[in-house]
Amino acid sequence: MTINDIGNMLKESELPVYYDHARKGETLPYITFTTATSNFFADNKTYQRVTSFRAVLYTASKRSDLESTIEGVFDAHDIPWDRDELYDSGSEVFQEIYESEVL
């Protein structure tokens, strides 16, 4: 799965989606995401490419409806996911953090 594939999938939530960070002053809610690799190696080469990604939903208040929407997008694409939650008191922003690994 490529960066574009992940971005397009997240856009199905109908929220603004940004790679790495949103523009300064962006209106909540929105999603950011980043990617990395966690490849499997065998015989001195990359045997299986594994893309890990982290998607973060930023909101001004707890939004279970938006969380359900994002989780529904992942489920529709058969993407396994874990979720964590964080409140940034300095920015007064809730963050729902989703992590996954895909081939």
Protein backbone atom coordinates (compact mmCIF):
# COMPACT_ATOMS: atom_id res chain seq x y z
CA MET A 1 0.00 0.00 0.00
CA THR A 2 1.45 3.37 -1.03
CA ILE A 3 1.25 6.80 0.60
CA ASN A 4 -1.33 7.78 -2.04
CA ASP A 5 -3.39 4.65 -1.33
CA ILE A 6 -3.46 5.44 2.39
CA GLY A 7 -4.31 9.10 1.79
CA ASN A 8 -7.11 8.23 -0.63
CA MET A 9 -8.51 5.66 1.78
CA LEU A 10 -8.56 8.22 4.62
CA LYS A 11 -10.28 10.77 2.36
CA GLU A 12 -13.27 8.42 2.26
CA SER A 13 -14.01 9.77 5.75
CA GLU A 14 -14.88 13.07 4.00
CA LEU A 15 -12.54 14.93 6.37
CA PRO A 16 -9.54 16.98 5.27
CA VAL A 17 -6.46 14.71 5.12
CA TYR A 18 -2.82 15.88 5.27
CA TYR A 19 0.46 14.04 5.12
CA ASP A 20 2.52 14.67 8.29
CA HIS A 21 0.87 17.94 9.40
CA ALA A 22 -1.93 20.34 8.61
CA ARG A 23 -1.41 23.92 7.60
CA LYS A 24 -1.19 26.36 10.50
CA GLY A 25 -4.65 27.54 11.46
CA GLU A 26 -6.47 24.62 9.80
CA THR A 27 -10.03 24.26 11.07
CA LEU A 28 -10.81 21.18 13.14
CA PRO A 29 -11.61 18.34 12.57
CA TYR A 30 -8.97 16.91 10.24
CA ILE A 31 -6.71 13.88 9.83
CA THR A 32 -2.95 13.68 9.44
CA PHE A 33 -0.97 10.55 8.61
CA THR A 34 2.61 9.36 8.32
CA THR A 35 4.14 6.15 7.02
CA ALA A 36 7.20 4.04 7.68
CA THR A 37 8.39 0.55 6.79
CA SER A 38 8.74 -2.47 9.01
CA ASN A 39 9.96 -4.93 6.40
CA PHE A 40 10.62 -8.65 6.77
CA PHE A 41 14.09 -9.75 5.69
CA ALA A 42 15.32 -13.14 4.49
CA ASP A 43 18.41 -14.30 2.57
CA ASN A 44 20.02 -10.85 2.85
CA LYS A 45 17.21 -9.02 1.09
CA THR A 46 13.80 -7.54 1.72
CA TYR A 47 11.51 -10.54 1.52
CA GLN A 48 8.22 -8.77 2.31
CA ARG A 49 7.55 -5.04 2.30
CA VAL A 50 5.43 -3.96 5.24
CA THR A 51 4.13 -0.41 5.45
CA SER A 52 3.20 0.89 8.86
CA PHE A 53 1.12 4.01 9.15
CA ARG A 54 -0.19 6.29 11.81
CA ALA A 55 -3.34 8.36 11.25
CA VAL A 56 -4.39 11.00 13.77
CA LEU A 57 -7.85 12.52 14.02
CA TYR A 58 -7.73 16.02 15.53
CA THR A 59 -10.92 17.40 17.07
CA ALA A 60 -11.96 20.17 19.48
CA SER A 61 -14.07 17.73 21.52
CA LYS A 62 -14.56 13.99 21.82
CA ARG A 63 -16.20 12.89 18.54
CA SER A 64 -17.23 9.26 18.68
CA ASP A 65 -19.16 9.72 15.42
CA LEU A 66 -15.98 10.64 13.53
CA GLU A 67 -14.06 7.83 15.21
CA SER A 68 -16.73 5.39 14.00
CA THR A 69 -16.48 6.82 10.49
CA ILE A 70 -12.71 6.34 10.35
CA GLU A 71 -12.92 2.88 11.86
CA GLY A 72 -15.59 2.01 9.28
CA VAL A 73 -13.22 3.08 6.48
CA PHE A 74 -10.48 0.84 7.88
CA ASP A 75 -12.90 -2.06 8.28
CA ALA A 76 -14.22 -1.61 4.71
CA HIS A 77 -10.64 -1.96 3.43
CA ASP A 78 -9.83 -4.89 5.75
CA ILE A 79 -7.19 -2.80 7.55
CA PRO A 80 -6.41 -4.04 11.07
CA TRP A 81 -5.97 -1.13 13.46
CA ASP A 82 -5.24 -0.09 17.02
CA ARG A 83 -6.39 3.18 18.56
CA ASP A 84 -5.06 5.37 21.34
CA GLU A 85 -6.31 8.69 22.66
CA LEU A 86 -4.50 11.82 23.76
CA TYR A 87 -5.61 15.27 24.87
CA ASP A 88 -3.16 18.11 24.18
CA SER A 89 -3.99 20.66 26.87
CA GLY A 90 -1.65 23.25 25.35
CA SER A 91 -3.56 23.24 22.06
CA GLU A 92 -6.86 22.11 23.61
CA VAL A 93 -7.12 19.41 20.95
CA PHE A 94 -8.22 15.79 21.21
CA GLN A 95 -6.18 13.29 19.21
CA GLU A 96 -7.40 9.83 18.25
CA ILE A 97 -4.32 7.96 17.10
CA TYR A 98 -4.73 4.96 14.77
CA GLU A 99 -1.86 2.63 13.92
CA SER A 100 -1.64 -0.25 11.48
CA GLU A 101 0.68 -2.32 9.31
CA VAL A 102 -0.26 -3.30 5.76
CA LEU A 103 1.41 -5.21 2.94
